[in-house]
Protein backbone atom coordinates (compact mmCIF):
# COMPACT_ATOMS: atom_id res chain seq x y z
CA MET A 1 99.62 140.51 -28.78
CA THR A 2 101.23 142.37 -25.83
CA ALA A 3 99.64 143.30 -22.35
CA ARG A 4 99.96 147.02 -23.52
CA SER A 5 97.50 146.25 -26.70
CA ARG A 6 95.08 144.04 -24.53
CA ARG A 7 94.59 146.82 -22.10
CA ARG A 8 93.77 149.47 -25.07
CA GLY A 9 91.44 147.33 -27.00
CA PRO A 10 90.92 146.64 -30.38
CA PRO A 11 90.78 150.10 -32.56
CA ARG A 12 87.50 148.94 -33.96
CA ILE A 13 85.49 149.03 -30.59
CA ARG A 14 87.19 152.26 -29.86
CA LEU A 15 85.76 153.68 -32.98
CA LEU A 16 82.38 152.25 -32.19
CA ASP A 17 82.21 153.90 -28.64
CA VAL A 18 83.02 157.19 -30.34
CA ALA A 19 79.97 156.92 -32.79
CA TYR A 20 77.71 155.89 -29.95
CA GLY A 21 78.99 159.19 -27.76
CA GLY A 22 78.22 161.31 -31.14
CA VAL A 23 74.95 159.81 -31.64
CA VAL A 24 73.95 160.56 -28.30
CA ALA A 25 75.16 164.18 -28.00
CA ALA A 26 73.47 164.59 -31.49
CA ILE A 27 70.40 163.76 -29.79
CA ILE A 28 70.96 165.90 -26.77
CA VAL A 29 71.22 168.70 -28.93
CA ALA A 30 68.54 168.21 -31.12
CA ALA A 31 65.87 167.57 -28.15
CA TRP A 32 67.86 170.68 -26.53
CA ARG A 33 66.70 172.76 -29.28
CA ALA A 34 63.48 171.44 -30.33
CA PRO A 35 60.70 174.21 -30.11
CA GLN A 36 58.59 171.47 -27.52
CA TRP A 37 61.37 172.46 -24.98
CA ARG A 38 61.17 176.19 -25.57
CA TRP A 39 58.98 178.20 -23.49
CA ARG A 40 56.29 180.10 -25.42
CA GLY A 41 55.14 182.49 -22.64
CA THR A 42 52.02 180.59 -21.41
CA TYR A 43 51.06 181.01 -17.99
CA GLU A 44 47.95 179.19 -16.65
CA ILE A 45 47.09 180.72 -13.36
CA SER A 46 44.40 179.80 -10.92
CA GLY A 47 42.99 180.06 -7.41
CA ASN A 48 43.31 183.50 -7.07
CA GLN A 49 40.58 185.21 -5.44
CA THR A 50 41.84 188.88 -3.53
CA VAL A 51 45.11 189.10 -5.42
CA SER A 52 44.62 190.01 -9.06
CA ARG A 53 46.59 187.74 -12.45
CA ALA A 54 47.66 191.05 -13.43
CA ALA A 55 49.73 191.44 -10.20
CA ILE A 56 50.80 187.74 -9.86
CA GLU A 57 51.95 188.16 -13.63
CA ARG A 58 54.03 191.41 -13.31
CA LEU A 59 56.44 188.75 -10.84
CA LEU A 60 56.93 185.77 -13.08
CA PRO A 61 59.75 185.41 -15.45
CA HIS A 62 59.17 185.79 -19.10
CA PRO A 63 61.99 184.25 -21.04
CA ILE A 64 60.15 183.31 -23.87
CA GLY A 65 62.32 180.69 -25.97
CA ARG A 66 64.20 179.45 -23.42
CA PRO A 67 64.42 175.73 -22.48
CA LEU A 68 61.28 175.13 -20.23
CA PHE A 69 62.96 172.76 -17.44
CA LEU A 70 65.71 175.86 -17.13
CA ILE A 71 62.75 177.95 -15.39
CA ASP A 72 62.78 177.38 -11.71
CA PRO A 73 59.80 176.53 -10.27
CA ARG A 74 60.92 177.33 -6.32
CA SER A 75 61.83 180.60 -7.59
CA ILE A 76 58.42 181.14 -8.54
CA ARG A 77 56.92 179.98 -5.86
CA ARG A 78 59.30 182.26 -3.24
CA SER A 79 58.55 185.69 -5.25
CA LEU A 80 54.97 185.09 -4.83
CA GLY A 81 54.65 183.93 -1.05
CA ALA A 82 57.16 187.22 -0.60
CA ALA A 83 55.17 189.64 -2.05
CA PHE A 84 51.62 188.16 -0.97
CA PRO A 85 51.09 187.51 2.54
CA SER A 86 47.46 186.44 1.74
CA ILE A 87 48.62 183.50 -0.65
CA SER A 88 49.69 180.22 2.17
CA ARG A 89 51.02 178.46 -0.50
CA VAL A 90 51.62 178.13 -4.59
CA GLU A 91 51.79 175.15 -6.70
CA VAL A 92 54.08 175.50 -9.98
CA ARG A 93 54.24 172.59 -12.72
CA ARG A 94 55.91 172.84 -16.12
CA TRP A 95 54.04 170.76 -19.02
CA LEU A 96 55.78 170.01 -22.35
CA PHE A 97 52.52 168.78 -24.29
CA PRO A 98 50.98 171.44 -24.58
CA ASN A 99 54.19 173.77 -23.81
CA ARG A 100 52.86 176.00 -20.90
CA ILE A 101 53.85 176.41 -16.70
CA SER A 102 50.45 176.22 -14.59
CA ILE A 103 50.29 178.13 -10.98
CA THR A 104 48.09 176.79 -8.54
CA VAL A 105 47.50 179.79 -5.86
CA VAL A 106 46.05 178.43 -2.35
CA GLU A 107 44.94 181.73 -0.50
CA ARG A 108 44.31 182.00 3.34
CA LYS A 109 40.93 181.61 4.36
CA PRO A 110 39.86 184.77 6.69
CA ALA A 111 38.55 183.96 10.05
CA ALA A 112 38.60 187.32 11.61
CA ARG A 113 39.32 190.88 11.41
CA VAL A 114 42.11 192.30 13.41
CA MET A 115 40.97 195.83 15.05
CA SER A 116 43.35 196.63 18.10
CA THR A 117 42.76 199.54 20.43
CA GLU A 118 46.99 199.00 21.60
CA LEU A 119 48.42 197.91 18.43
CA ALA A 120 49.45 200.38 15.73
CA THR A 121 49.28 197.99 12.72
CA GLY A 122 49.90 200.69 10.00
CA SER A 123 47.25 198.83 7.79
CA PRO A 124 43.49 199.41 8.08
CA LEU A 125 43.03 195.71 6.85
CA LEU A 126 44.49 192.99 8.76
CA TYR A 127 43.06 189.69 9.07
CA LEU A 128 43.60 186.38 11.16
CA ASP A 129 43.46 182.83 9.06
CA GLU A 130 42.30 180.03 10.54
CA SER A 131 45.46 179.16 11.92
CA GLY A 132 45.68 182.70 13.69
CA HIS A 133 48.07 183.74 11.16
CA ALA A 134 47.94 187.64 10.52
CA TYR A 135 48.16 188.92 7.14
CA PRO A 136 47.31 192.49 5.39
CA SER A 137 44.50 192.58 2.85
CA ILE A 138 44.01 195.58 0.06
CA HIS A 139 40.53 194.54 0.07
CA PRO A 140 37.40 194.57 2.60
CA LEU A 141 36.93 190.67 3.36
CA THR A 142 33.44 189.60 4.77
CA VAL A 143 34.04 187.65 8.10
CA PRO A 144 31.70 187.20 11.31
CA LEU A 145 34.48 187.76 14.08
CA VAL A 146 36.36 190.82 14.79
CA ALA A 147 39.40 189.95 17.18
CA ASP A 148 41.11 193.16 19.72
CA VAL A 149 44.51 191.50 20.28
CA VAL A 150 47.48 193.12 21.84
CA ARG A 151 50.33 191.95 20.03
CA LEU A 152 50.74 190.57 16.20
CA PRO A 153 51.66 188.01 15.17
CA LEU A 154 49.86 186.16 18.01
CA SER A 155 51.71 184.47 21.09
CA PRO A 156 51.64 180.43 21.41
CA GLY A 157 49.22 180.97 23.91
CA ASP A 158 47.11 183.77 22.13
CA ARG A 159 46.86 181.27 19.19
CA ARG A 160 45.58 178.56 21.17
CA ILE A 161 42.82 180.76 22.74
CA PHE A 162 41.66 182.06 19.10
CA LEU A 163 41.74 178.88 17.64
CA ARG A 164 39.26 177.67 20.72
CA LEU A 165 36.82 180.99 20.04
CA LEU A 166 36.94 180.27 16.50
CA ALA A 167 35.75 176.32 16.88
CA ALA A 168 33.07 177.29 19.25
CA TRP A 169 31.50 180.52 18.01
CA PRO A 170 28.59 179.59 16.67
CA ASP A 171 27.54 179.71 12.86
CA GLY A 172 25.45 182.77 11.90
CA MET A 173 26.34 185.07 14.44
CA SER A 174 28.86 187.97 14.21
CA GLY A 175 30.59 189.95 16.87
CA LEU A 176 33.56 191.18 18.26
CA ILE A 177 35.62 189.33 20.67
CA ASP A 178 37.93 191.33 22.94
CA MET A 179 41.58 189.12 23.63
CA ARG A 180 43.53 191.83 25.30
CA ASP A 181 42.89 190.41 28.48
CA PRO A 182 43.34 186.39 27.77
CA ALA A 183 41.71 185.25 31.38
CA HIS A 184 39.03 187.57 31.00
CA LEU A 185 37.10 187.22 27.78
CA VAL A 186 34.33 189.37 26.64
CA ALA A 187 32.61 189.38 23.23
CA ARG A 188 30.35 191.87 21.77
CA VAL A 189 28.12 189.93 19.62
CA ALA A 190 24.84 190.64 17.31
CA ALA A 191 21.91 188.69 17.62
CA SER A 192 18.30 188.82 16.96
CA ILE A 193 16.03 189.85 19.77
CA ASP A 194 12.55 191.06 18.98
CA ALA A 195 12.78 190.51 15.20
CA ALA A 196 15.86 192.90 15.33
CA THR A 197 19.32 192.74 15.41
CA ARG A 198 21.07 193.73 18.34
CA SER A 199 23.94 194.26 20.25
CA PHE A 200 25.71 193.12 23.70
CA GLU A 201 28.29 191.95 25.94
CA VAL A 202 28.97 188.48 26.45
CA PHE A 203 31.24 187.77 29.60
CA LEU A 204 32.77 184.74 28.70
CA GLY A 205 35.62 184.58 31.49
CA ALA A 206 38.50 182.08 31.39
CA PRO A 207 38.89 180.67 27.59
CA LYS A 208 37.63 177.03 28.57
CA ASP A 209 34.21 175.23 28.09
CA LEU A 210 33.39 177.71 24.94
CA ASP A 211 31.02 175.28 23.59
CA SER A 212 29.36 175.16 27.12
CA LYS A 213 29.19 178.62 27.48
CA PHE A 214 27.71 179.88 23.62
CA LEU A 215 25.23 177.10 24.20
CA ALA A 216 23.93 178.87 27.25
CA LEU A 217 24.07 182.16 25.62
CA ASP A 218 21.74 180.59 23.22
CA ARG A 219 19.51 179.26 25.73
CA ILE A 220 19.33 182.64 27.94
CA LEU A 221 18.34 184.81 24.88
CA PRO A 222 14.75 183.81 24.72
CA LEU A 223 14.85 184.69 28.31
CA ALA A 224 15.83 188.06 27.90
CA GLU A 225 13.34 188.64 25.15
CA ALA A 226 10.27 187.94 26.94
CA THR A 227 11.52 190.85 29.48
CA GLY A 228 10.70 193.38 26.52
CA LYS A 229 13.81 195.33 27.88
CA THR A 230 16.92 196.29 26.24
CA LEU A 231 19.52 193.67 26.81
CA GLU A 232 22.59 194.82 28.16
CA TYR A 233 25.05 191.90 28.91
CA VAL A 234 24.67 187.96 29.59
CA ASP A 235 27.23 186.49 32.09
CA VAL A 236 28.18 183.20 30.80
CA ARG A 237 31.29 182.48 32.98
CA PHE A 238 29.31 179.56 34.66
CA PRO A 239 27.43 177.99 31.78
CA ASP A 240 25.53 176.10 34.54
CA ALA A 241 24.34 179.34 35.97
CA PRO A 242 24.13 181.99 33.42
CA ALA A 243 22.78 185.50 34.12
CA PHE A 244 22.13 188.84 32.42
CA LYS A 245 21.12 192.04 32.62
CA VAL A 246 18.63 194.44 30.91
CA ALA A 247 18.28 198.04 30.93
CA GLY A 248 16.44 200.15 33.42
CA ASP A 249 16.98 197.28 36.00
CA PRO A 250 18.36 198.98 39.24
CA LEU A 251 18.49 195.45 41.15
CA SER A 252 21.07 194.50 38.93
CA PRO A 253 24.72 194.55 39.75
CA ARG A 254 27.03 196.35 37.56
CA ALA A 255 29.18 194.18 34.87
CA PRO A 256 31.43 191.20 36.28
CA TYR A 257 34.53 193.31 34.59
CA ALA A 258 35.04 195.79 31.87
CA PRO A 259 36.32 194.48 28.60
CA GLY A 260 39.92 194.48 28.34
CA GLU A 261 40.53 194.99 31.96
CA GLN A 262 43.84 193.40 33.68
CA HIS A 263 43.02 190.15 36.40
CA GLY A 264 44.27 192.44 39.17
CA GLN A 265 42.15 195.83 38.55
CA HIS A 266 39.15 194.11 39.25
CA GLY A 267 39.64 192.57 42.49
CA GLN A 268 40.93 189.54 41.56
CA GLY A 269 37.83 188.70 39.20
CA MET A 270 35.28 188.87 42.07
CA ALA A 271 32.08 190.37 41.28
CA ASP A 272 29.72 192.25 43.45
CA SER A 273 26.95 190.13 44.74
CA GLY A 274 23.28 191.25 44.25
CA HIS A 275 20.24 190.35 42.40
CA ARG A 276 20.43 188.77 38.78
CA HIS A 277 18.22 187.36 36.33
CA ARG A 278 18.25 183.53 36.62
CA THR A 279 17.67 181.34 33.89
CA ASP A 280 14.22 180.32 35.15
CA GLY A 281 13.06 183.71 34.33
CA GLY A 282 12.66 185.08 38.02
CA HIS A 283 13.95 188.28 39.20
CA LEU A 284 14.74 187.03 43.05
CA ALA A 285 17.64 187.74 45.58
CA VAL A 286 19.48 184.65 45.21
CA ASP A 287 21.82 183.10 47.81
CA THR A 288 25.25 183.72 46.00
CA VAL A 289 29.14 181.88 46.28
CA GLN A 290 32.30 183.62 45.67
CA GLU A 291 33.97 181.61 43.36
CA PRO A 292 37.31 182.85 40.98
CA GLY A 293 35.96 185.21 37.93
CA GLY A 294 32.52 186.34 39.98
CA ILE A 295 29.38 185.30 41.71
CA ARG A 296 28.28 181.99 41.20
CA PRO A 297 24.55 181.83 42.24
CA GLY A 298 23.76 179.22 44.90
CA GLY A 299 21.28 176.21 43.93
CA THR A 300 20.71 173.96 41.07
CA PRO A 301 19.56 176.07 38.13
CA GLN A 302 16.51 174.99 36.36
CA PRO A 303 16.90 173.26 32.73
CA ALA A 304 16.00 175.55 29.69
CA SER A 305 14.95 174.45 26.19
CA PRO A 306 17.42 173.91 23.29
CA GLY A 307 17.84 176.77 21.01
CA PRO A 308 18.78 177.70 17.54
CA LEU A 309 22.63 177.55 18.37
CA ASP A 310 22.01 174.17 19.62
CA HIS A 311 20.60 172.71 16.49
CA ALA A 312 23.40 174.66 14.27
CA LYS A 313 25.78 172.67 16.79
CA GLY A 314 24.25 169.12 16.42
CA GLN A 315 24.40 170.19 12.60
CA ARG A 316 27.76 171.25 12.77
CA ALA A 317 28.83 167.61 14.44
CA GLN A 318 26.88 165.73 11.93
CA ARG A 319 29.14 167.35 9.10
CA SER A 320 32.18 166.54 10.87
């Protein structure tokens, strides 16, 4: 046997190789043409709440009879994510038994509605989700918070402030938060006073110690209710010495600053001194100490009994 014939191998082995190759090719062709591989047009859609099934199906491919593994899940995810900003994630899976394509939609959870006095949104219904991402919705959604912002999308700084507000916002309270001047936050909240729901402004100041500020708000509301007068605003910029103003009180000073007012327009945040209602319920002239952001009453504030928001905070901490 020559070296050339040894390299080629026996003819018998070559024929077996060809036969094996033919069998494998026949199996592949049979599998390709098997009805189990061919899509029958069945979509399983779940998780959608604000986006209708019909709207989703209009964007889905319908190549009935095409091999299932040739339908690209990435293309479906891209088309649905681009068409519906309220969708944060789409999961697409192809199933052979039974033959179908399942689509799971994960929608954004609305945390606040956008109501901007300075932003032309072009949409009457804009929302912020729990991460601060803005998106439109054709349906009105129920949210406890309305945010007045300057720009969308939120800047990194504004997003951090929004997330802090969202984490500290008391359960069961609804209202509007003015974020146009992030250093001087103002909330317009609705609370139950005298067995009725009344709205008033809450001056929060800088976006820090928000948990303490909302707890101070909870402790001072019973004192405001005890006056029997209409509550106009609560000042919790300094949570250890909060104050409030009721209607018809000639001795109370003006509000610390107007909502949305820029820092340089109200005397570098210094409020006027004067008589204020203290957390001890007394209406007295107090010594004041000027601090950035306003006038802080001197002396040691009287402790107040826990309010309903303290209980809500404790329940939230236990759940977490």
